[in-house]
Amino acid sequence: VFVVVDEREVDEEAEHARGADAVGRLSARAADIDTDIDAVVSTFGALDDADVVVPETEATALADAPACREDAELAAGVAAVAEVLLDIEIDAVAATDGVLGSVSEYVRR
């Protein structure tokens, strides 16, 4: 089970309190159904309880995707989420040829 906590309050103190409360509530709900939380992902603000933080981005339109091309902090946050969710190391995956590497000899550039 992964918990995503959305932080959108303007007041930083309120953000932290609201996010921390959400983690507690969702942890209690997971315990009610006898499930452990594998990771906490915080969006739009950092939390002490978060395993991974994805910072806010100015991009809102689908045409702006992927926003991470322009924002190294956002890209790092998204990569960290992928590492936690998939239990992999992004650097190790990026160093391989990947899925298309096995067919590269058949594809013209």
C-alpha atoms as a PDB file:
ATOM      1  CA  VAL A   1       0.000   0.000   0.000  1.00  0.00           C
ATOM      2  CA  PHE A   2       1.344   3.421  -0.955  1.00  0.00           C
ATOM      3  CA  VAL A   3       0.024   6.627   0.589  1.00  0.00           C
ATOM      4  CA  VAL A   4       0.089   9.824  -1.458  1.00  0.00           C
ATOM      5  CA  VAL A   5      -0.268  13.013   0.559  1.00  0.00           C
ATOM      6  CA  ASP A   6      -1.209  16.125  -1.431  1.00  0.00           C
ATOM      7  CA  GLU A   7       0.072  19.399   0.023  1.00  0.00           C
ATOM      8  CA  ARG A   8      -1.639  22.452  -1.472  1.00  0.00           C
ATOM      9  CA  GLU A   9      -2.130  24.854   1.442  1.00  0.00           C
ATOM     10  CA  VAL A  10      -0.558  28.304   1.181  1.00  0.00           C
ATOM     11  CA  ASP A  11       0.521  28.463   4.825  1.00  0.00           C
ATOM     12  CA  GLU A  12       3.589  26.270   5.343  1.00  0.00           C
ATOM     13  CA  GLU A  13       2.652  25.379   8.927  1.00  0.00           C
ATOM     14  CA  ALA A  14      -0.847  24.380   7.823  1.00  0.00           C
ATOM     15  CA  GLU A  15       0.658  22.306   4.992  1.00  0.00           C
ATOM     16  CA  HIS A  16       2.812  20.302   7.336  1.00  0.00           C
ATOM     17  CA  ALA A  17       0.043  19.793   9.887  1.00  0.00           C
ATOM     18  CA  ARG A  18      -2.492  18.750   7.263  1.00  0.00           C
ATOM     19  CA  GLY A  19      -0.100  16.352   5.537  1.00  0.00           C
ATOM     20  CA  ALA A  20       1.058  14.797   8.796  1.00  0.00           C
ATOM     21  CA  ASP A  21      -2.576  14.357   9.853  1.00  0.00           C
ATOM     22  CA  ALA A  22      -3.345  12.659   6.548  1.00  0.00           C
ATOM     23  CA  VAL A  23      -0.475  10.202   6.987  1.00  0.00           C
ATOM     24  CA  GLY A  24      -1.766   9.331  10.453  1.00  0.00           C
ATOM     25  CA  ARG A  25      -5.353   8.867   9.246  1.00  0.00           C
ATOM     26  CA  LEU A  26      -4.337   6.735   6.281  1.00  0.00           C
ATOM     27  CA  SER A  27      -1.977   4.664   8.430  1.00  0.00           C
ATOM     28  CA  ALA A  28      -4.865   3.977  10.807  1.00  0.00           C
ATOM     29  CA  ARG A  29      -7.111   2.992   7.897  1.00  0.00           C
ATOM     30  CA  ALA A  30      -4.454   0.610   6.577  1.00  0.00           C
ATOM     31  CA  ALA A  31      -4.110  -0.915  10.052  1.00  0.00           C
ATOM     32  CA  ASP A  32      -7.898  -1.377  10.192  1.00  0.00           C
ATOM     33  CA  ILE A  33      -7.697  -3.687   7.196  1.00  0.00           C
ATOM     34  CA  ASP A  34      -4.528  -5.372   8.461  1.00  0.00           C
ATOM     35  CA  THR A  35      -2.284  -3.837   5.781  1.00  0.00           C
ATOM     36  CA  ASP A  36       1.103  -2.181   6.091  1.00  0.00           C
ATOM     37  CA  ILE A  37       2.060   1.015   4.298  1.00  0.00           C
ATOM     38  CA  ASP A  38       5.047   0.431   2.035  1.00  0.00           C
ATOM     39  CA  ALA A  39       5.838   4.078   1.324  1.00  0.00           C
ATOM     40  CA  VAL A  40       4.543   7.621   1.787  1.00  0.00           C
ATOM     41  CA  VAL A  41       4.742   9.952  -1.226  1.00  0.00           C
ATOM     42  CA  SER A  42       4.321  13.674  -0.532  1.00  0.00           C
ATOM     43  CA  THR A  43       3.271  15.989  -3.353  1.00  0.00           C
ATOM     44  CA  PHE A  44       3.455  19.765  -3.266  1.00  0.00           C
ATOM     45  CA  GLY A  45       5.514  19.860  -0.062  1.00  0.00           C
ATOM     46  CA  ALA A  46       7.988  17.938   2.068  1.00  0.00           C
ATOM     47  CA  LEU A  47       6.889  15.957   5.113  1.00  0.00           C
ATOM     48  CA  ASP A  48       9.053  14.343   7.761  1.00  0.00           C
ATOM     49  CA  ASP A  49       7.083  11.100   7.333  1.00  0.00           C
ATOM     50  CA  ALA A  50       7.463  11.015   3.541  1.00  0.00           C
ATOM     51  CA  ASP A  51       9.727   8.476   1.890  1.00  0.00           C
ATOM     52  CA  VAL A  52       9.626  10.448  -1.359  1.00  0.00           C
ATOM     53  CA  VAL A  53       8.751  14.061  -2.212  1.00  0.00           C
ATOM     54  CA  VAL A  54       7.537  15.267  -5.613  1.00  0.00           C
ATOM     55  CA  PRO A  55       7.755  19.077  -5.681  1.00  0.00           C
ATOM     56  CA  GLU A  56       5.126  21.350  -7.180  1.00  0.00           C
ATOM     57  CA  THR A  57       5.491  22.297 -10.834  1.00  0.00           C
ATOM     58  CA  GLU A  58       4.172  25.260 -12.775  1.00  0.00           C
ATOM     59  CA  ALA A  59       3.117  22.994 -15.652  1.00  0.00           C
ATOM     60  CA  THR A  60      -0.618  22.366 -15.668  1.00  0.00           C
ATOM     61  CA  ALA A  61      -1.448  21.679 -19.309  1.00  0.00           C
ATOM     62  CA  LEU A  62      -1.111  18.241 -20.829  1.00  0.00           C
ATOM     63  CA  ALA A  63       0.835  19.844 -23.680  1.00  0.00           C
ATOM     64  CA  ASP A  64       3.534  20.824 -21.152  1.00  0.00           C
ATOM     65  CA  ALA A  65       4.302  17.172 -20.372  1.00  0.00           C
ATOM     66  CA  PRO A  66       6.790  15.963 -19.521  1.00  0.00           C
ATOM     67  CA  ALA A  67       7.399  18.894 -17.190  1.00  0.00           C
ATOM     68  CA  CYS A  68      10.460  17.161 -15.775  1.00  0.00           C
ATOM     69  CA  ARG A  69      12.496  18.132 -18.850  1.00  0.00           C
ATOM     70  CA  GLU A  70      12.688  21.684 -17.553  1.00  0.00           C
ATOM     71  CA  ASP A  71      12.808  20.989 -13.814  1.00  0.00           C
ATOM     72  CA  ALA A  72      15.617  18.801 -12.442  1.00  0.00           C
ATOM     73  CA  GLU A  73      14.073  18.761  -8.938  1.00  0.00           C
ATOM     74  CA  LEU A  74      10.754  17.494 -10.305  1.00  0.00           C
ATOM     75  CA  ALA A  75      12.523  14.865 -12.416  1.00  0.00           C
ATOM     76  CA  ALA A  76      14.471  13.658  -9.386  1.00  0.00           C
ATOM     77  CA  GLY A  77      11.245  13.433  -7.356  1.00  0.00           C
ATOM     78  CA  VAL A  78       9.455  11.437 -10.042  1.00  0.00           C
ATOM     79  CA  ALA A  79      12.479   9.134 -10.401  1.00  0.00           C
ATOM     80  CA  ALA A  80      12.519   8.611  -6.631  1.00  0.00           C
ATOM     81  CA  VAL A  81       8.831   7.646  -6.696  1.00  0.00           C
ATOM     82  CA  ALA A  82       9.527   5.117  -9.459  1.00  0.00           C
ATOM     83  CA  GLU A  83      12.404   3.664  -7.437  1.00  0.00           C
ATOM     84  CA  VAL A  84      10.213   3.271  -4.347  1.00  0.00           C
ATOM     85  CA  LEU A  85       7.155   1.915  -6.170  1.00  0.00           C
ATOM     86  CA  LEU A  86       9.058  -0.505  -8.398  1.00  0.00           C
ATOM     87  CA  ASP A  87      11.889  -1.337  -5.991  1.00  0.00           C
ATOM     88  CA  ILE A  88      14.544  -0.556  -8.609  1.00  0.00           C
ATOM     89  CA  GLU A  89      17.494   1.804  -9.000  1.00  0.00           C
ATOM     90  CA  ILE A  90      16.892   4.270 -11.828  1.00  0.00           C
ATOM     91  CA  ASP A  91      20.624   4.730 -12.512  1.00  0.00           C
ATOM     92  CA  ALA A  92      21.023   0.979 -13.015  1.00  0.00           C
ATOM     93  CA  VAL A  93      18.068   0.858 -15.414  1.00  0.00           C
ATOM     94  CA  ALA A  94      19.270   3.920 -17.342  1.00  0.00           C
ATOM     95  CA  ALA A  95      22.702   2.327 -17.818  1.00  0.00           C
ATOM     96  CA  THR A  96      21.203  -0.611 -19.739  1.00  0.00           C
ATOM     97  CA  ASP A  97      19.955  -0.564 -23.308  1.00  0.00           C
ATOM     98  CA  GLY A  98      16.444  -1.189 -22.046  1.00  0.00           C
ATOM     99  CA  VAL A  99      13.663  -2.875 -23.947  1.00  0.00           C
ATOM    100  CA  LEU A 100      14.525  -1.296 -27.298  1.00  0.00           C
ATOM    101  CA  GLY A 101      18.199  -2.229 -27.014  1.00  0.00           C
ATOM    102  CA  SER A 102      17.419  -5.789 -28.003  1.00  0.00           C
ATOM    103  CA  VAL A 103      15.818  -4.673 -31.281  1.00  0.00           C
ATOM    104  CA  SER A 104      18.085  -1.743 -32.125  1.00  0.00           C
ATOM    105  CA  GLU A 105      19.802  -3.625 -34.936  1.00  0.00           C
ATOM    106  CA  TYR A 106      16.420  -3.890 -36.696  1.00  0.00           C
ATOM    107  CA  VAL A 107      15.461  -0.227 -36.331  1.00  0.00           C
ATOM    108  CA  ARG A 108      16.831   2.452 -38.666  1.00  0.00           C
ATOM    109  CA  ARG A 109      17.819   5.767 -37.197  1.00  0.00           C
END
